[in-house]
Amino acid sequence: MIPEKKDQAANQKKKGTRGRRPVSHDTGLYKERNTVERLINKLKAWRGIATRYDKTPDSYLAGLHLRASMIWIKDLTQTTK
């Protein structure tokens, strides 16, 4: 059952500041977080990293470095055009 608008407002008022959305929005912080999340998603797009096929930490780290360098090189070649 979906609560009525009055009930929602009353519940938010009862919670005080915890019941509301944050008033401020840090655009710079959001942009940095979005950049990191996109990079992690690009890394995970490589099957070996996403499924953790490598058994040893050293080989997994090597795969991360390889994939990161592939992403970096692709980015460099696209920005020079």
N, C-alpha and C. Protein backbone atom coordinates (compact mmCIF):
# COMPACT_ATOMS: atom_id res chain seq x y z
N MET A 1 0.84 -1.18 0.00
CA MET A 1 0.00 0.00 0.00
C MET A 1 0.88 1.24 0.00
N ILE A 2 0.59 2.17 -0.89
CA ILE A 2 1.36 3.40 -1.00
C ILE A 2 0.81 4.42 -0.02
N PRO A 3 1.67 5.01 0.81
CA PRO A 3 1.17 5.98 1.78
C PRO A 3 0.71 7.27 1.10
N GLU A 4 -0.24 7.93 1.76
CA GLU A 4 -0.75 9.20 1.26
C GLU A 4 0.32 10.28 1.40
N LYS A 5 0.14 11.37 0.67
CA LYS A 5 1.09 12.49 0.73
C LYS A 5 1.20 13.05 2.15
N LYS A 6 0.07 13.12 2.85
CA LYS A 6 0.09 13.63 4.22
C LYS A 6 0.95 12.74 5.11
N ASP A 7 0.80 11.43 4.93
CA ASP A 7 1.57 10.48 5.73
C ASP A 7 3.06 10.61 5.44
N GLN A 8 3.41 10.79 4.16
CA GLN A 8 4.81 10.93 3.80
C GLN A 8 5.40 12.19 4.44
N ALA A 9 4.66 13.29 4.36
CA ALA A 9 5.14 14.55 4.95
C ALA A 9 5.28 14.41 6.46
N ALA A 10 4.32 13.72 7.09
CA ALA A 10 4.37 13.55 8.55
C ALA A 10 5.58 12.69 8.94
N ASN A 11 5.84 11.64 8.18
CA ASN A 11 6.99 10.77 8.48
C ASN A 11 8.30 11.52 8.30
N GLN A 12 8.39 12.34 7.25
CA GLN A 12 9.60 13.12 7.04
C GLN A 12 9.80 14.13 8.16
N LYS A 13 8.72 14.74 8.59
CA LYS A 13 8.81 15.72 9.67
C LYS A 13 9.22 15.04 10.97
N LYS A 14 8.72 13.84 11.20
CA LYS A 14 9.06 13.09 12.41
C LYS A 14 10.54 12.71 12.43
N LYS A 15 11.10 12.42 11.26
CA LYS A 15 12.52 12.06 11.19
C LYS A 15 13.43 13.27 11.31
N GLY A 16 12.90 14.45 11.08
CA GLY A 16 13.72 15.65 11.15
C GLY A 16 14.60 15.78 9.92
N THR A 17 15.86 16.16 10.12
CA THR A 17 16.76 16.37 8.98
C THR A 17 17.13 15.05 8.31
N ARG A 18 16.99 13.93 9.00
CA ARG A 18 17.32 12.63 8.41
C ARG A 18 16.29 12.21 7.37
N GLY A 19 15.10 12.79 7.41
CA GLY A 19 14.03 12.38 6.51
C GLY A 19 14.02 13.11 5.19
N ARG A 20 14.92 14.03 5.00
CA ARG A 20 14.95 14.84 3.78
C ARG A 20 16.17 14.49 2.94
N ARG A 21 16.12 14.89 1.68
CA ARG A 21 17.28 14.74 0.82
C ARG A 21 18.30 15.82 1.18
N PRO A 22 19.56 15.55 0.91
CA PRO A 22 20.56 16.58 1.21
C PRO A 22 20.33 17.85 0.40
N VAL A 23 20.51 18.98 1.03
CA VAL A 23 20.28 20.25 0.38
C VAL A 23 21.39 20.58 -0.59
N SER A 24 22.63 20.30 -0.20
CA SER A 24 23.75 20.65 -1.06
C SER A 24 24.16 19.48 -1.95
N HIS A 25 24.81 19.83 -3.04
CA HIS A 25 25.30 18.82 -3.98
C HIS A 25 26.68 19.27 -4.43
N ASP A 26 27.70 18.49 -4.11
CA ASP A 26 29.07 18.84 -4.48
C ASP A 26 29.35 18.31 -5.88
N THR A 27 29.31 19.19 -6.85
CA THR A 27 29.48 18.80 -8.25
C THR A 27 30.86 18.22 -8.52
N GLY A 28 31.89 18.82 -7.94
CA GLY A 28 33.25 18.32 -8.16
C GLY A 28 33.44 16.91 -7.63
N LEU A 29 32.93 16.67 -6.42
CA LEU A 29 33.04 15.34 -5.82
C LEU A 29 32.26 14.31 -6.64
N TYR A 30 31.08 14.68 -7.10
CA TYR A 30 30.27 13.77 -7.92
C TYR A 30 31.00 13.43 -9.22
N LYS A 31 31.65 14.42 -9.84
CA LYS A 31 32.37 14.20 -11.09
C LYS A 31 33.54 13.24 -10.89
N GLU A 32 34.28 13.42 -9.78
CA GLU A 32 35.40 12.52 -9.49
C GLU A 32 34.91 11.10 -9.23
N ARG A 33 33.84 10.97 -8.47
CA ARG A 33 33.29 9.65 -8.17
C ARG A 33 32.82 8.96 -9.44
N ASN A 34 32.18 9.71 -10.32
CA ASN A 34 31.69 9.16 -11.57
C ASN A 34 32.86 8.67 -12.43
N THR A 35 33.96 9.42 -12.45
CA THR A 35 35.14 9.04 -13.22
C THR A 35 35.71 7.71 -12.71
N VAL A 36 35.81 7.59 -11.40
CA VAL A 36 36.34 6.35 -10.80
C VAL A 36 35.42 5.18 -11.10
N GLU A 37 34.11 5.38 -10.97
CA GLU A 37 33.16 4.29 -11.24
C GLU A 37 33.22 3.85 -12.70
N ARG A 38 33.37 4.79 -13.61
CA ARG A 38 33.47 4.42 -15.03
C ARG A 38 34.74 3.61 -15.31
N LEU A 39 35.85 4.00 -14.67
CA LEU A 39 37.09 3.25 -14.85
C LEU A 39 36.95 1.83 -14.31
N ILE A 40 36.34 1.69 -13.15
CA ILE A 40 36.15 0.35 -12.57
C ILE A 40 35.28 -0.49 -13.50
N ASN A 41 34.25 0.11 -14.08
CA ASN A 41 33.40 -0.64 -15.01
C ASN A 41 34.16 -1.05 -16.26
N LYS A 42 35.07 -0.18 -16.74
CA LYS A 42 35.91 -0.55 -17.89
C LYS A 42 36.84 -1.70 -17.54
N LEU A 43 37.38 -1.67 -16.34
CA LEU A 43 38.25 -2.77 -15.91
C LEU A 43 37.46 -4.07 -15.82
N LYS A 44 36.27 -4.00 -15.27
CA LYS A 44 35.46 -5.20 -15.09
C LYS A 44 34.91 -5.74 -16.41
N ALA A 45 34.93 -4.90 -17.44
CA ALA A 45 34.45 -5.37 -18.75
C ALA A 45 35.37 -6.44 -19.31
N TRP A 46 36.59 -6.50 -18.83
CA TRP A 46 37.52 -7.54 -19.23
C TRP A 46 37.21 -8.78 -18.41
N ARG A 47 36.90 -9.86 -19.07
CA ARG A 47 36.38 -11.05 -18.41
C ARG A 47 37.31 -11.62 -17.34
N GLY A 48 38.60 -11.59 -17.58
CA GLY A 48 39.55 -12.15 -16.61
C GLY A 48 39.54 -11.43 -15.29
N ILE A 49 39.28 -10.14 -15.33
CA ILE A 49 39.23 -9.36 -14.08
C ILE A 49 37.87 -9.53 -13.42
N ALA A 50 36.82 -9.50 -14.20
CA ALA A 50 35.47 -9.58 -13.64
C ALA A 50 35.21 -10.92 -12.95
N THR A 51 35.75 -12.00 -13.51
CA THR A 51 35.47 -13.32 -12.96
C THR A 51 36.58 -13.83 -12.04
N ARG A 52 37.69 -13.09 -12.00
CA ARG A 52 38.81 -13.44 -11.12
C ARG A 52 39.35 -14.84 -11.43
N TYR A 53 39.64 -15.08 -12.73
CA TYR A 53 40.18 -16.37 -13.14
C TYR A 53 41.59 -16.61 -12.62
N ASP A 54 42.37 -15.55 -12.47
CA ASP A 54 43.75 -15.70 -12.01
C ASP A 54 43.77 -16.16 -10.56
N LYS A 55 44.57 -17.16 -10.29
CA LYS A 55 44.58 -17.76 -8.96
C LYS A 55 45.49 -17.04 -7.97
N THR A 56 46.57 -16.47 -8.47
CA THR A 56 47.50 -15.82 -7.54
C THR A 56 47.30 -14.30 -7.58
N PRO A 57 47.55 -13.64 -6.47
CA PRO A 57 47.42 -12.17 -6.44
C PRO A 57 48.33 -11.48 -7.45
N ASP A 58 49.53 -12.03 -7.67
CA ASP A 58 50.45 -11.42 -8.61
C ASP A 58 49.92 -11.46 -10.04
N SER A 59 49.33 -12.58 -10.44
CA SER A 59 48.82 -12.66 -11.81
C SER A 59 47.55 -11.80 -11.97
N TYR A 60 46.76 -11.69 -10.91
CA TYR A 60 45.58 -10.82 -10.96
C TYR A 60 46.00 -9.35 -11.09
N LEU A 61 47.02 -8.95 -10.32
CA LEU A 61 47.53 -7.59 -10.39
C LEU A 61 48.13 -7.31 -11.76
N ALA A 62 48.80 -8.29 -12.32
CA ALA A 62 49.36 -8.13 -13.67
C ALA A 62 48.23 -7.92 -14.68
N GLY A 63 47.14 -8.65 -14.52
CA GLY A 63 45.98 -8.46 -15.40
C GLY A 63 45.38 -7.07 -15.25
N LEU A 64 45.31 -6.58 -14.02
CA LEU A 64 44.82 -5.21 -13.80
C LEU A 64 45.71 -4.19 -14.49
N HIS A 65 47.01 -4.36 -14.34
CA HIS A 65 47.95 -3.44 -14.98
C HIS A 65 47.83 -3.50 -16.50
N LEU A 66 47.70 -4.70 -17.04
CA LEU A 66 47.57 -4.86 -18.49
C LEU A 66 46.31 -4.17 -19.00
N ARG A 67 45.20 -4.42 -18.32
CA ARG A 67 43.93 -3.82 -18.75
C ARG A 67 43.97 -2.30 -18.60
N ALA A 68 44.55 -1.80 -17.51
CA ALA A 68 44.64 -0.36 -17.31
C ALA A 68 45.50 0.28 -18.40
N SER A 69 46.58 -0.38 -18.77
CA SER A 69 47.43 0.17 -19.83
C SER A 69 46.71 0.14 -21.18
N MET A 70 45.90 -0.88 -21.41
CA MET A 70 45.13 -0.94 -22.66
C MET A 70 44.13 0.21 -22.73
N ILE A 71 43.47 0.49 -21.61
CA ILE A 71 42.51 1.59 -21.55
C ILE A 71 43.24 2.92 -21.75
N TRP A 72 44.39 3.07 -21.12
CA TRP A 72 45.17 4.31 -21.22
C TRP A 72 45.64 4.55 -22.65
N ILE A 73 46.15 3.51 -23.30
CA ILE A 73 46.62 3.64 -24.68
C ILE A 73 45.46 3.99 -25.62
N LYS A 74 44.34 3.35 -25.42
CA LYS A 74 43.16 3.65 -26.25
C LYS A 74 42.74 5.10 -26.06
N ASP A 75 42.77 5.57 -24.82
CA ASP A 75 42.41 6.96 -24.54
C ASP A 75 43.40 7.93 -25.18
N LEU A 76 44.69 7.59 -25.13
CA LEU A 76 45.69 8.45 -25.76
C LEU A 76 45.52 8.55 -27.27
N THR A 77 45.22 7.44 -27.90
CA THR A 77 45.07 7.44 -29.36
C THR A 77 43.80 8.19 -29.80
N GLN A 78 42.78 8.16 -28.96
CA GLN A 78 41.54 8.86 -29.30
C GLN A 78 41.66 10.36 -29.11
N THR A 79 42.45 10.81 -28.14
CA THR A 79 42.55 12.24 -27.88
C THR A 79 43.50 12.95 -28.84
N THR A 80 44.37 12.22 -29.51
CA THR A 80 45.31 12.85 -30.43
C THR A 80 44.71 13.09 -31.81
N LYS A 81 43.58 12.55 -32.08
CA LYS A 81 42.94 12.71 -33.41
C LYS A 81 42.25 14.04 -33.51
